Amino acid sequence: MIDITSSSAVSVSGKHALQLLENARAVQSDGEHTYTANGSLQVSSANDTGALVASIIKLIMDAKGNTLLTIAATGGDSTASARTGDGNDTIRMSVSKITGIEAGDGNDYINATAEGGSEAYSAPYWEGISSVSGGDGNDTILLSSDGTVKSVSGGNGDDAMVITARYHALAIDGGDGHDMIRLDTGSVVALNGGDGNDHINLSARGTIHAVSGGKGDDTVIIDNQGKWAASYYYAIGDGQDTLSTNAAIEIHAFSETGTARYNIADARIERDGNVVTLSFGNDNDSLRIEFTGAMAEAEQYAFTYNAAIGSLMIHDAATPASDLTTFVTSFTRPQSA
């Protein structure tokens, strides 16, 4: 089953377009709206396109339920959402705002762009892309938003995610599997690689809060272009993580369940040049932090312990920890879906 909802506020001769497709059945109002399938077929007439749209949906579904879906809208303000069933689906979407994409189980490919329209710069938390779910399978998810990306879940499987957001990226979850996540955004809050040996590479110009590789031996690279310390969440049982960053970092440690604080004062801390290693009581749990850029050049490192929450900030001693503390506070570890 395929459910697609799309609306466009593009004015054509004083009219507006609204298109709803449900179970491959089209309902079209007056106005003009353009859909493209397989790069060649277009629907642009208001009054006689129902059968043609149904044919397009049927044309791009094979006998195994694999779906190829392309939605494109140009000019004005447009919104779209799509849900496909199980199968190896390909979803391409380019509209002003995306309210949801659910690909279902299978090795899916999602390439979605929210270009913003007139709302893009109306508020700092404007949601260009509200939610995306790849479902179980080895998914490729490519997202670009002129606003915020609010929620992304890769599901179980070895997923590859590349996400660009002008404002914020929130609640990014790789799910179980060996995932690759690349993120370029204004701020990021709650990024979790999930179970598996993940590779995370993120760059942010503002807040970087509650980043976690999840369980497994993860590699995390943080390009911190903002003024606050990034916060990294680690739980007992997460494995041997390797973290590289060019700025101050605050480590929050948790119990194995992720629901209670682990007093990081109980960890063993070793420094070798620009590398700091935290060990958590056994040979299987450790966090190796390699400082690069400005932090690597710092004359002296400071280790500031926050007794109230049991966290440890590692920073250039020339800058007080109070100047590096973000306005975001959180006391629970982000959980993988």
C-alpha atoms as a PDB file:
ATOM      1  CA  MET A   1       0.000   0.000   0.000  1.00  0.00           C
ATOM      2  CA  ILE A   2       1.133   3.506  -0.787  1.00  0.00           C
ATOM      3  CA  ASP A   3      -0.212   6.582   0.956  1.00  0.00           C
ATOM      4  CA  ILE A   4       0.800   9.971  -0.387  1.00  0.00           C
ATOM      5  CA  THR A   5      -0.438  13.337   0.743  1.00  0.00           C
ATOM      6  CA  SER A   6       0.666  16.481  -1.009  1.00  0.00           C
ATOM      7  CA  SER A   7      -0.639  20.008  -1.119  1.00  0.00           C
ATOM      8  CA  SER A   8       0.562  23.114  -2.882  1.00  0.00           C
ATOM      9  CA  ALA A   9      -0.327  26.734  -2.272  1.00  0.00           C
ATOM     10  CA  VAL A  10       0.967  27.742  -5.664  1.00  0.00           C
ATOM     11  CA  SER A  11      -1.533  30.203  -7.090  1.00  0.00           C
ATOM     12  CA  VAL A  12      -2.513  29.594 -10.697  1.00  0.00           C
ATOM     13  CA  SER A  13      -5.207  31.937 -12.016  1.00  0.00           C
ATOM     14  CA  GLY A  14      -6.371  32.543  -8.475  1.00  0.00           C
ATOM     15  CA  LYS A  15      -6.710  28.820  -7.661  1.00  0.00           C
ATOM     16  CA  HIS A  16      -4.833  26.456  -5.369  1.00  0.00           C
ATOM     17  CA  ALA A  17      -3.946  22.798  -5.782  1.00  0.00           C
ATOM     18  CA  LEU A  18      -4.636  19.919  -3.418  1.00  0.00           C
ATOM     19  CA  GLN A  19      -3.840  16.327  -4.311  1.00  0.00           C
ATOM     20  CA  LEU A  20      -4.463  13.261  -2.193  1.00  0.00           C
ATOM     21  CA  LEU A  21      -3.434   9.764  -3.244  1.00  0.00           C
ATOM     22  CA  GLU A  22      -4.610   6.880  -1.115  1.00  0.00           C
ATOM     23  CA  ASN A  23      -4.116   3.235  -2.084  1.00  0.00           C
ATOM     24  CA  ALA A  24      -3.101   4.471  -5.545  1.00  0.00           C
ATOM     25  CA  ARG A  25      -6.425   6.293  -6.003  1.00  0.00           C
ATOM     26  CA  ALA A  26      -6.163   9.998  -6.872  1.00  0.00           C
ATOM     27  CA  VAL A  27      -8.495  12.793  -5.836  1.00  0.00           C
ATOM     28  CA  GLN A  28      -7.714  16.109  -7.557  1.00  0.00           C
ATOM     29  CA  SER A  29      -9.151  19.568  -6.893  1.00  0.00           C
ATOM     30  CA  ASP A  30      -9.072  22.600  -9.140  1.00  0.00           C
ATOM     31  CA  GLY A  31      -5.700  24.198  -9.754  1.00  0.00           C
ATOM     32  CA  GLU A  32      -2.385  22.941 -11.055  1.00  0.00           C
ATOM     33  CA  HIS A  33       0.137  20.636  -9.433  1.00  0.00           C
ATOM     34  CA  THR A  34       3.083  18.795 -10.964  1.00  0.00           C
ATOM     35  CA  TYR A  35       4.215  15.255 -10.180  1.00  0.00           C
ATOM     36  CA  THR A  36       7.122  13.573 -11.938  1.00  0.00           C
ATOM     37  CA  ALA A  37       7.666   9.826 -12.136  1.00  0.00           C
ATOM     38  CA  ASN A  38      10.649   8.126 -13.764  1.00  0.00           C
ATOM     39  CA  GLY A  39      11.889  11.560 -14.782  1.00  0.00           C
ATOM     40  CA  SER A  40       9.477  11.934 -17.683  1.00  0.00           C
ATOM     41  CA  LEU A  41       5.804  11.662 -16.766  1.00  0.00           C
ATOM     42  CA  GLN A  42       4.057  14.769 -15.444  1.00  0.00           C
ATOM     43  CA  VAL A  43       0.644  15.442 -13.980  1.00  0.00           C
ATOM     44  CA  SER A  44      -0.339  19.070 -14.324  1.00  0.00           C
ATOM     45  CA  SER A  45      -4.004  19.228 -15.288  1.00  0.00           C
ATOM     46  CA  ALA A  46      -6.591  19.789 -12.577  1.00  0.00           C
ATOM     47  CA  ASN A  47      -9.618  18.088 -14.033  1.00  0.00           C
ATOM     48  CA  ASP A  48      -8.612  14.889 -15.796  1.00  0.00           C
ATOM     49  CA  THR A  49      -5.542  13.518 -14.056  1.00  0.00           C
ATOM     50  CA  GLY A  50      -6.940  11.005 -11.586  1.00  0.00           C
ATOM     51  CA  ALA A  51      -6.552   7.977 -13.848  1.00  0.00           C
ATOM     52  CA  LEU A  52      -3.117   9.099 -15.034  1.00  0.00           C
ATOM     53  CA  VAL A  53      -1.764   9.460 -11.497  1.00  0.00           C
ATOM     54  CA  ALA A  54      -3.071   6.011 -10.618  1.00  0.00           C
ATOM     55  CA  SER A  55      -1.278   4.651 -13.683  1.00  0.00           C
ATOM     56  CA  ILE A  56       1.966   6.295 -12.633  1.00  0.00           C
ATOM     57  CA  ILE A  57       1.782   4.722  -9.180  1.00  0.00           C
ATOM     58  CA  LYS A  58       1.080   1.350 -10.723  1.00  0.00           C
ATOM     59  CA  LEU A  59       3.867   1.795 -13.257  1.00  0.00           C
ATOM     60  CA  ILE A  60       6.517   2.323 -10.607  1.00  0.00           C
ATOM     61  CA  MET A  61       5.601  -0.700  -8.469  1.00  0.00           C
ATOM     62  CA  ASP A  62       7.035  -4.055  -9.509  1.00  0.00           C
ATOM     63  CA  ALA A  63       5.634  -7.485  -8.702  1.00  0.00           C
ATOM     64  CA  LYS A  64       7.689  -7.729  -5.510  1.00  0.00           C
ATOM     65  CA  GLY A  65       6.289  -4.522  -4.071  1.00  0.00           C
ATOM     66  CA  ASN A  66       9.373  -2.413  -4.730  1.00  0.00           C
ATOM     67  CA  THR A  67       8.306   1.190  -5.273  1.00  0.00           C
ATOM     68  CA  LEU A  68       9.852   4.070  -7.161  1.00  0.00           C
ATOM     69  CA  LEU A  69       8.218   7.332  -6.130  1.00  0.00           C
ATOM     70  CA  THR A  70       9.171  10.865  -7.115  1.00  0.00           C
ATOM     71  CA  ILE A  71       7.361  13.971  -5.909  1.00  0.00           C
ATOM     72  CA  ALA A  72       8.552  17.355  -7.114  1.00  0.00           C
ATOM     73  CA  ALA A  73       6.971  20.773  -6.724  1.00  0.00           C
ATOM     74  CA  THR A  74       8.421  24.047  -7.902  1.00  0.00           C
ATOM     75  CA  GLY A  75       7.431  27.572  -6.876  1.00  0.00           C
ATOM     76  CA  GLY A  76       5.335  28.715  -3.926  1.00  0.00           C
ATOM     77  CA  ASP A  77       4.699  26.656  -0.772  1.00  0.00           C
ATOM     78  CA  SER A  78       4.157  22.905  -0.958  1.00  0.00           C
ATOM     79  CA  THR A  79       3.994  20.077   1.580  1.00  0.00           C
ATOM     80  CA  ALA A  80       4.211  16.336   1.115  1.00  0.00           C
ATOM     81  CA  SER A  81       4.314  13.059   3.010  1.00  0.00           C
ATOM     82  CA  ALA A  82       4.669   9.479   1.827  1.00  0.00           C
ATOM     83  CA  ARG A  83       4.388   5.978   3.245  1.00  0.00           C
ATOM     84  CA  THR A  84       5.338   2.828   1.370  1.00  0.00           C
ATOM     85  CA  GLY A  85       5.104  -0.800   2.431  1.00  0.00           C
ATOM     86  CA  ASP A  86       7.792  -3.460   2.634  1.00  0.00           C
ATOM     87  CA  GLY A  87      10.195  -3.750  -0.271  1.00  0.00           C
ATOM     88  CA  ASN A  88      13.297  -2.083  -1.636  1.00  0.00           C
ATOM     89  CA  ASP A  89      11.792   1.342  -2.225  1.00  0.00           C
ATOM     90  CA  THR A  90      13.188   4.495  -3.802  1.00  0.00           C
ATOM     91  CA  ILE A  91      11.637   7.767  -2.648  1.00  0.00           C
ATOM     92  CA  ARG A  92      12.678  11.102  -4.098  1.00  0.00           C
ATOM     93  CA  MET A  93      10.998  14.242  -2.834  1.00  0.00           C
ATOM     94  CA  SER A  94      11.642  17.946  -3.416  1.00  0.00           C
ATOM     95  CA  VAL A  95       9.039  20.278  -1.903  1.00  0.00           C
ATOM     96  CA  SER A  96       8.852  23.189   0.530  1.00  0.00           C
ATOM     97  CA  LYS A  97       8.014  21.098   3.601  1.00  0.00           C
ATOM     98  CA  ILE A  98       8.004  17.364   4.324  1.00  0.00           C
ATOM     99  CA  THR A  99       5.692  16.225   7.114  1.00  0.00           C
ATOM    100  CA  GLY A 100       6.673  12.561   7.059  1.00  0.00           C
ATOM    101  CA  ILE A 101       8.300   9.719   5.140  1.00  0.00           C
ATOM    102  CA  GLU A 102       7.890   6.054   6.140  1.00  0.00           C
ATOM    103  CA  ALA A 103       9.619   3.606   3.823  1.00  0.00           C
ATOM    104  CA  GLY A 104       8.765   0.335   5.576  1.00  0.00           C
ATOM    105  CA  ASP A 105      11.091  -2.668   5.780  1.00  0.00           C
ATOM    106  CA  GLY A 106      13.576  -3.299   2.988  1.00  0.00           C
ATOM    107  CA  ASN A 107      16.752  -1.791   1.598  1.00  0.00           C
ATOM    108  CA  ASP A 108      15.333   1.656   0.893  1.00  0.00           C
ATOM    109  CA  TYR A 109      16.755   4.755  -0.748  1.00  0.00           C
ATOM    110  CA  ILE A 110      15.356   8.111   0.402  1.00  0.00           C
ATOM    111  CA  ASN A 111      16.495  11.412  -1.087  1.00  0.00           C
ATOM    112  CA  ALA A 112      14.426  14.310   0.243  1.00  0.00           C
ATOM    113  CA  THR A 113      14.844  18.071   0.083  1.00  0.00           C
ATOM    114  CA  ALA A 114      12.727  20.663   1.903  1.00  0.00           C
ATOM    115  CA  GLU A 115      13.432  23.947   0.166  1.00  0.00           C
ATOM    116  CA  GLY A 116      11.442  26.089   2.562  1.00  0.00           C
ATOM    117  CA  GLY A 117       9.233  28.392   0.535  1.00  0.00           C
ATOM    118  CA  SER A 118       7.958  31.495   2.307  1.00  0.00           C
ATOM    119  CA  GLU A 119       8.026  29.843   5.779  1.00  0.00           C
ATOM    120  CA  ALA A 120      11.697  28.854   5.788  1.00  0.00           C
ATOM    121  CA  TYR A 121      13.034  31.852   7.664  1.00  0.00           C
ATOM    122  CA  SER A 122       9.902  32.722   9.660  1.00  0.00           C
ATOM    123  CA  ALA A 123      11.071  31.039  12.885  1.00  0.00           C
ATOM    124  CA  PRO A 124      14.338  29.512  14.103  1.00  0.00           C
ATOM    125  CA  TYR A 125      12.673  26.146  14.777  1.00  0.00           C
ATOM    126  CA  TRP A 126      10.767  25.907  11.494  1.00  0.00           C
ATOM    127  CA  GLU A 127      10.446  22.231  10.598  1.00  0.00           C
ATOM    128  CA  GLY A 128      11.498  21.632   7.032  1.00  0.00           C
ATOM    129  CA  ILE A 129      11.443  17.856   7.546  1.00  0.00           C
ATOM    130  CA  SER A 130       9.308  16.582  10.430  1.00  0.00           C
ATOM    131  CA  SER A 131      10.010  12.852  10.434  1.00  0.00           C
ATOM    132  CA  VAL A 132      11.706  10.180   8.327  1.00  0.00           C
ATOM    133  CA  SER A 133      11.767   6.435   9.015  1.00  0.00           C
ATOM    134  CA  GLY A 134      13.695   3.964   6.886  1.00  0.00           C
ATOM    135  CA  GLY A 135      12.349   0.862   8.623  1.00  0.00           C
ATOM    136  CA  ASP A 136      14.394  -2.312   8.946  1.00  0.00           C
ATOM    137  CA  GLY A 137      16.953  -2.966   6.221  1.00  0.00           C
ATOM    138  CA  ASN A 138      20.133  -1.422   4.893  1.00  0.00           C
ATOM    139  CA  ASP A 139      18.804   2.037   4.079  1.00  0.00           C
ATOM    140  CA  THR A 140      20.345   5.085   2.448  1.00  0.00           C
ATOM    141  CA  ILE A 141      18.820   8.341   3.704  1.00  0.00           C
ATOM    142  CA  LEU A 142      19.858  11.679   2.191  1.00  0.00           C
ATOM    143  CA  LEU A 143      18.115  14.733   3.656  1.00  0.00           C
ATOM    144  CA  SER A 144      18.485  18.469   3.115  1.00  0.00           C
ATOM    145  CA  SER A 145      16.383  21.096   4.882  1.00  0.00           C
ATOM    146  CA  ASP A 146      16.300  24.882   4.797  1.00  0.00           C
ATOM    147  CA  GLY A 147      14.919  24.614   8.339  1.00  0.00           C
ATOM    148  CA  THR A 148      15.039  21.920  11.029  1.00  0.00           C
ATOM    149  CA  VAL A 149      15.117  18.145  10.660  1.00  0.00           C
ATOM    150  CA  LYS A 150      13.057  17.011  13.646  1.00  0.00           C
ATOM    151  CA  SER A 151      13.274  13.214  13.697  1.00  0.00           C
ATOM    152  CA  VAL A 152      15.099  10.532  11.685  1.00  0.00           C
ATOM    153  CA  SER A 153      15.204   6.787  12.354  1.00  0.00           C
ATOM    154  CA  GLY A 154      17.226   4.344  10.284  1.00  0.00           C
ATOM    155  CA  GLY A 155      15.749   1.253  11.928  1.00  0.00           C
ATOM    156  CA  ASN A 156      17.587  -2.057  12.135  1.00  0.00           C
ATOM    157  CA  GLY A 157      20.250  -2.595   9.491  1.00  0.00           C
ATOM    158  CA  ASP A 158      23.478  -1.085   8.233  1.00  0.00           C
ATOM    159  CA  ASP A 159      22.230   2.373   7.308  1.00  0.00           C
ATOM    160  CA  ALA A 160      23.910   5.348   5.664  1.00  0.00           C
ATOM    161  CA  MET A 161      22.573   8.809   6.536  1.00  0.00           C
ATOM    162  CA  VAL A 162      23.696  12.171   5.211  1.00  0.00           C
ATOM    163  CA  ILE A 163      21.729  15.047   6.756  1.00  0.00           C
ATOM    164  CA  THR A 164      22.078  18.777   6.123  1.00  0.00           C
ATOM    165  CA  ALA A 165      19.915  21.232   8.087  1.00  0.00           C
ATOM    166  CA  ARG A 166      20.216  25.006   8.159  1.00  0.00           C
ATOM    167  CA  TYR A 167      18.845  25.300  11.718  1.00  0.00           C
ATOM    168  CA  HIS A 168      18.708  22.156  13.862  1.00  0.00           C
ATOM    169  CA  ALA A 169      18.901  18.368  13.659  1.00  0.00           C
ATOM    170  CA  LEU A 170      16.954  16.667  16.461  1.00  0.00           C
ATOM    171  CA  ALA A 171      16.424  13.035  17.492  1.00  0.00           C
ATOM    172  CA  ILE A 172      18.641  11.307  14.928  1.00  0.00           C
ATOM    173  CA  ASP A 173      18.729   7.539  15.556  1.00  0.00           C
ATOM    174  CA  GLY A 174      20.720   5.044  13.503  1.00  0.00           C
ATOM    175  CA  GLY A 175      19.066   2.026  15.122  1.00  0.00           C
ATOM    176  CA  ASP A 176      20.715  -1.395  15.357  1.00  0.00           C
ATOM    177  CA  GLY A 177      23.440  -2.146  12.822  1.00  0.00           C
ATOM    178  CA  HIS A 178      26.754  -0.742  11.670  1.00  0.00           C
ATOM    179  CA  ASP A 179      25.629   2.721  10.604  1.00  0.00           C
ATOM    180  CA  MET A 180      27.316   5.664   8.915  1.00  0.00           C
ATOM    181  CA  ILE A 181      25.888   9.055   9.904  1.00  0.00           C
ATOM    182  CA  ARG A 182      27.145  12.336   8.476  1.00  0.00           C
ATOM    183  CA  LEU A 183      25.587  15.545   9.764  1.00  0.00           C
ATOM    184  CA  ASP A 184      26.050  19.233   8.895  1.00  0.00           C
ATOM    185  CA  THR A 185      23.736  21.569  10.798  1.00  0.00           C
ATOM    186  CA  GLY A 186      23.310  24.639  12.961  1.00  0.00           C
ATOM    187  CA  SER A 187      22.739  22.667  16.176  1.00  0.00           C
ATOM    188  CA  VAL A 188      22.278  19.006  17.018  1.00  0.00           C
ATOM    189  CA  VAL A 189      20.403  17.565  20.000  1.00  0.00           C
ATOM    190  CA  ALA A 190      19.987  13.817  20.666  1.00  0.00           C
ATOM    191  CA  LEU A 191      22.047  11.897  18.109  1.00  0.00           C
ATOM    192  CA  ASN A 192      22.309   8.171  18.823  1.00  0.00           C
ATOM    193  CA  GLY A 193      24.102   5.646  16.639  1.00  0.00           C
ATOM    194  CA  GLY A 194      22.285   2.725  18.295  1.00  0.00           C
ATOM    195  CA  ASP A 195      23.698  -0.785  18.663  1.00  0.00           C
ATOM    196  CA  GLY A 196      26.556  -1.678  16.322  1.00  0.00           C
ATOM    197  CA  ASN A 197      29.948  -0.344  15.310  1.00  0.00           C
ATOM    198  CA  ASP A 198      28.924   3.055  13.984  1.00  0.00           C
ATOM    199  CA  HIS A 199      30.818   5.849  12.271  1.00  0.00           C
ATOM    200  CA  ILE A 200      29.483   9.345  13.031  1.00  0.00           C
ATOM    201  CA  ASN A 201      30.855  12.536  11.511  1.00  0.00           C
ATOM    202  CA  LEU A 202      29.125  15.755  12.518  1.00  0.00           C
ATOM    203  CA  SER A 203      29.727  19.456  12.035  1.00  0.00           C
ATOM    204  CA  ALA A 204      27.655  22.089  13.838  1.00  0.00           C
ATOM    205  CA  ARG A 205      27.794  25.832  14.293  1.00  0.00           C
ATOM    206  CA  GLY A 206      25.810  25.965  17.550  1.00  0.00           C
ATOM    207  CA  THR A 207      24.814  23.563  20.321  1.00  0.00           C
ATOM    208  CA  ILE A 208      26.048  19.969  20.155  1.00  0.00           C
ATOM    209  CA  HIS A 209      24.190  18.096  22.878  1.00  0.00           C
ATOM    210  CA  ALA A 210      23.535  14.460  23.793  1.00  0.00           C
ATOM    211  CA  VAL A 211      25.607  12.717  21.137  1.00  0.00           C
ATOM    212  CA  SER A 212      26.002   8.975  21.708  1.00  0.00           C
ATOM    213  CA  GLY A 213      27.483   6.177  19.650  1.00  0.00           C
ATOM    214  CA  GLY A 214      25.294   3.670  21.474  1.00  0.00           C
ATOM    215  CA  LYS A 215      26.438   0.121  22.127  1.00  0.00           C
ATOM    216  CA  GLY A 216      29.360  -1.067  20.028  1.00  0.00           C
ATOM    217  CA  ASP A 217      32.835   0.156  19.181  1.00  0.00           C
ATOM    218  CA  ASP A 218      32.004   3.505  17.611  1.00  0.00           C
ATOM    219  CA  THR A 219      34.040   6.186  15.876  1.00  0.00           C
ATOM    220  CA  VAL A 220      32.744   9.734  16.342  1.00  0.00           C
ATOM    221  CA  ILE A 221      34.228  12.873  14.768  1.00  0.00           C
ATOM    222  CA  ILE A 222      32.920  16.240  15.988  1.00  0.00           C
ATOM    223  CA  ASP A 223      33.722  19.482  14.182  1.00  0.00           C
ATOM    224  CA  ASN A 224      32.543  22.007  16.769  1.00  0.00           C
ATOM    225  CA  GLN A 225      32.263  25.442  15.167  1.00  0.00           C
ATOM    226  CA  GLY A 226      30.287  26.930  18.062  1.00  0.00           C
ATOM    227  CA  LYS A 227      31.294  28.450  21.383  1.00  0.00           C
ATOM    228  CA  TRP A 228      29.959  25.769  23.758  1.00  0.00           C
ATOM    229  CA  ALA A 229      31.421  22.434  24.737  1.00  0.00           C
ATOM    230  CA  ALA A 230      29.858  19.477  22.959  1.00  0.00           C
ATOM    231  CA  SER A 231      28.309  16.847  25.223  1.00  0.00           C
ATOM    232  CA  TYR A 232      28.909  13.134  24.669  1.00  0.00           C
ATOM    233  CA  TYR A 233      26.842  10.456  26.398  1.00  0.00           C
ATOM    234  CA  TYR A 234      28.426   7.118  27.275  1.00  0.00           C
ATOM    235  CA  ALA A 235      26.870   4.196  29.162  1.00  0.00           C
ATOM    236  CA  ILE A 236      28.534   1.218  30.783  1.00  0.00           C
ATOM    237  CA  GLY A 237      28.486  -1.565  28.196  1.00  0.00           C
ATOM    238  CA  ASP A 238      28.733   0.789  25.217  1.00  0.00           C
ATOM    239  CA  GLY A 239      32.123  -0.644  24.235  1.00  0.00           C
ATOM    240  CA  GLN A 240      35.351   0.989  23.143  1.00  0.00           C
ATOM    241  CA  ASP A 241      34.509   4.315  21.522  1.00  0.00           C
ATOM    242  CA  THR A 242      36.934   6.617  19.738  1.00  0.00           C
ATOM    243  CA  LEU A 243      36.085  10.313  19.725  1.00  0.00           C
ATOM    244  CA  SER A 244      37.866  13.081  17.819  1.00  0.00           C
ATOM    245  CA  THR A 245      37.027  16.748  18.370  1.00  0.00           C
ATOM    246  CA  ASN A 246      38.550  20.182  17.871  1.00  0.00           C
ATOM    247  CA  ALA A 247      36.978  21.828  20.936  1.00  0.00           C
ATOM    248  CA  ALA A 248      35.948  21.287  24.543  1.00  0.00           C
ATOM    249  CA  ILE A 249      33.927  18.180  25.342  1.00  0.00           C
ATOM    250  CA  GLU A 250      31.713  17.301  28.329  1.00  0.00           C
ATOM    251  CA  ILE A 251      31.386  13.595  29.060  1.00  0.00           C
ATOM    252  CA  HIS A 252      28.181  12.322  30.692  1.00  0.00           C
ATOM    253  CA  ALA A 253      28.378   8.730  31.934  1.00  0.00           C
ATOM    254  CA  PHE A 254      25.411   6.456  32.637  1.00  0.00           C
ATOM    255  CA  SER A 255      24.602   3.033  34.033  1.00  0.00           C
ATOM    256  CA  GLU A 256      24.233   0.108  31.649  1.00  0.00           C
ATOM    257  CA  THR A 257      20.480   0.692  31.379  1.00  0.00           C
ATOM    258  CA  GLY A 258      21.091   4.333  30.489  1.00  0.00           C
ATOM    259  CA  THR A 259      18.591   5.541  33.091  1.00  0.00           C
ATOM    260  CA  ALA A 260      20.899   6.421  36.001  1.00  0.00           C
ATOM    261  CA  ARG A 261      24.012   8.546  36.232  1.00  0.00           C
ATOM    262  CA  TYR A 262      27.399   6.881  36.576  1.00  0.00           C
ATOM    263  CA  ASN A 263      29.787   8.934  38.675  1.00  0.00           C
ATOM    264  CA  ILE A 264      32.570   9.716  36.247  1.00  0.00           C
ATOM    265  CA  ALA A 265      34.839  10.401  39.216  1.00  0.00           C
ATOM    266  CA  ASP A 266      35.115   6.599  39.452  1.00  0.00           C
ATOM    267  CA  ALA A 267      36.615   6.365  35.964  1.00  0.00           C
ATOM    268  CA  ARG A 268      40.347   6.028  35.332  1.00  0.00           C
ATOM    269  CA  ILE A 269      41.672   8.970  33.299  1.00  0.00           C
ATOM    270  CA  GLU A 270      44.946   8.935  31.375  1.00  0.00           C
ATOM    271  CA  ARG A 271      46.460  11.617  29.168  1.00  0.00           C
ATOM    272  CA  ASP A 272      49.123  11.169  26.505  1.00  0.00           C
ATOM    273  CA  GLY A 273      49.740  14.435  24.661  1.00  0.00           C
ATOM    274  CA  ASN A 274      46.512  15.414  22.906  1.00  0.00           C
ATOM    275  CA  VAL A 275      44.834  12.069  23.678  1.00  0.00           C
ATOM    276  CA  VAL A 276      42.734  11.491  26.808  1.00  0.00           C
ATOM    277  CA  THR A 277      41.421   8.010  27.625  1.00  0.00           C
ATOM    278  CA  LEU A 278      38.657   7.261  30.123  1.00  0.00           C
ATOM    279  CA  SER A 279      38.301   3.670  31.338  1.00  0.00           C
ATOM    280  CA  PHE A 280      35.201   2.527  33.195  1.00  0.00           C
ATOM    281  CA  GLY A 281      36.184  -0.372  35.429  1.00  0.00           C
ATOM    282  CA  ASN A 282      36.831  -3.133  32.883  1.00  0.00           C
ATOM    283  CA  ASP A 283      38.746  -3.766  29.680  1.00  0.00           C
ATOM    284  CA  ASN A 284      35.628  -3.610  27.506  1.00  0.00           C
ATOM    285  CA  ASP A 285      34.447  -0.074  28.287  1.00  0.00           C
ATOM    286  CA  SER A 286      36.578   2.907  27.356  1.00  0.00           C
ATOM    287  CA  LEU A 287      36.383   6.261  25.635  1.00  0.00           C
ATOM    288  CA  ARG A 288      39.447   7.479  23.763  1.00  0.00           C
ATOM    289  CA  ILE A 289      39.353  11.208  22.959  1.00  0.00           C
ATOM    290  CA  GLU A 290      41.776  12.675  20.446  1.00  0.00           C
ATOM    291  CA  PHE A 291      41.839  16.467  20.442  1.00  0.00           C
ATOM    292  CA  THR A 292      42.564  18.233  17.168  1.00  0.00           C
ATOM    293  CA  GLY A 293      42.716  21.826  15.945  1.00  0.00           C
ATOM    294  CA  ALA A 294      42.666  24.519  18.628  1.00  0.00           C
ATOM    295  CA  MET A 295      42.298  22.000  21.469  1.00  0.00           C
ATOM    296  CA  ALA A 296      45.383  20.098  20.349  1.00  0.00           C
ATOM    297  CA  GLU A 297      47.331  23.358  20.517  1.00  0.00           C
ATOM    298  CA  ALA A 298      46.138  24.302  24.021  1.00  0.00           C
ATOM    299  CA  GLU A 299      49.012  24.852  26.448  1.00  0.00           C
ATOM    300  CA  GLN A 300      47.145  23.196  29.297  1.00  0.00           C
ATOM    301  CA  TYR A 301      44.033  21.045  29.596  1.00  0.00           C
ATOM    302  CA  ALA A 302      41.569  21.536  32.434  1.00  0.00           C
ATOM    303  CA  PHE A 303      39.396  18.719  33.795  1.00  0.00           C
ATOM    304  CA  THR A 304      36.278  20.230  35.375  1.00  0.00           C
ATOM    305  CA  TYR A 305      34.078  17.850  37.355  1.00  0.00           C
ATOM    306  CA  ASN A 306      30.406  18.744  37.835  1.00  0.00           C
ATOM    307  CA  ALA A 307      29.415  17.020  41.064  1.00  0.00           C
ATOM    308  CA  ALA A 308      25.722  17.830  40.615  1.00  0.00           C
ATOM    309  CA  ILE A 309      25.373  15.592  37.558  1.00  0.00           C
ATOM    310  CA  GLY A 310      28.635  13.631  37.646  1.00  0.00           C
ATOM    311  CA  SER A 311      29.935  14.918  34.315  1.00  0.00           C
ATOM    312  CA  LEU A 312      33.475  15.793  33.285  1.00  0.00           C
ATOM    313  CA  MET A 313      34.393  18.660  30.968  1.00  0.00           C
ATOM    314  CA  ILE A 314      37.782  18.620  29.273  1.00  0.00           C
ATOM    315  CA  HIS A 315      38.705  22.048  27.966  1.00  0.00           C
ATOM    316  CA  ASP A 316      41.441  24.584  27.356  1.00  0.00           C
ATOM    317  CA  ALA A 317      42.494  25.833  30.785  1.00  0.00           C
ATOM    318  CA  ALA A 318      42.545  29.375  29.393  1.00  0.00           C
ATOM    319  CA  THR A 319      38.736  29.332  29.122  1.00  0.00           C
ATOM    320  CA  PRO A 320      36.563  28.781  32.243  1.00  0.00           C
ATOM    321  CA  ALA A 321      34.124  25.874  32.081  1.00  0.00           C
ATOM    322  CA  SER A 322      31.275  28.263  32.903  1.00  0.00           C
ATOM    323  CA  ASP A 323      31.830  30.004  29.557  1.00  0.00           C
ATOM    324  CA  LEU A 324      31.517  26.697  27.707  1.00  0.00           C
ATOM    325  CA  THR A 325      28.313  25.355  29.248  1.00  0.00           C
ATOM    326  CA  THR A 326      25.399  25.207  26.835  1.00  0.00           C
ATOM    327  CA  PHE A 327      21.907  26.326  27.796  1.00  0.00           C
ATOM    328  CA  VAL A 328      20.606  22.788  27.164  1.00  0.00           C
ATOM    329  CA  THR A 329      20.371  20.482  30.184  1.00  0.00           C
ATOM    330  CA  SER A 330      19.438  16.821  30.110  1.00  0.00           C
ATOM    331  CA  PHE A 331      19.628  14.078  32.712  1.00  0.00           C
ATOM    332  CA  THR A 332      18.754  10.966  30.714  1.00  0.00           C
ATOM    333  CA  ARG A 333      20.672   9.255  27.995  1.00  0.00           C
ATOM    334  CA  PRO A 334      19.034   9.337  24.535  1.00  0.00           C
ATOM    335  CA  GLN A 335      17.557   5.915  23.861  1.00  0.00           C
ATOM    336  CA  SER A 336      17.678   4.126  20.538  1.00  0.00           C
ATOM    337  CA  ALA A 337      14.264   3.333  19.106  1.00  0.00           C
END
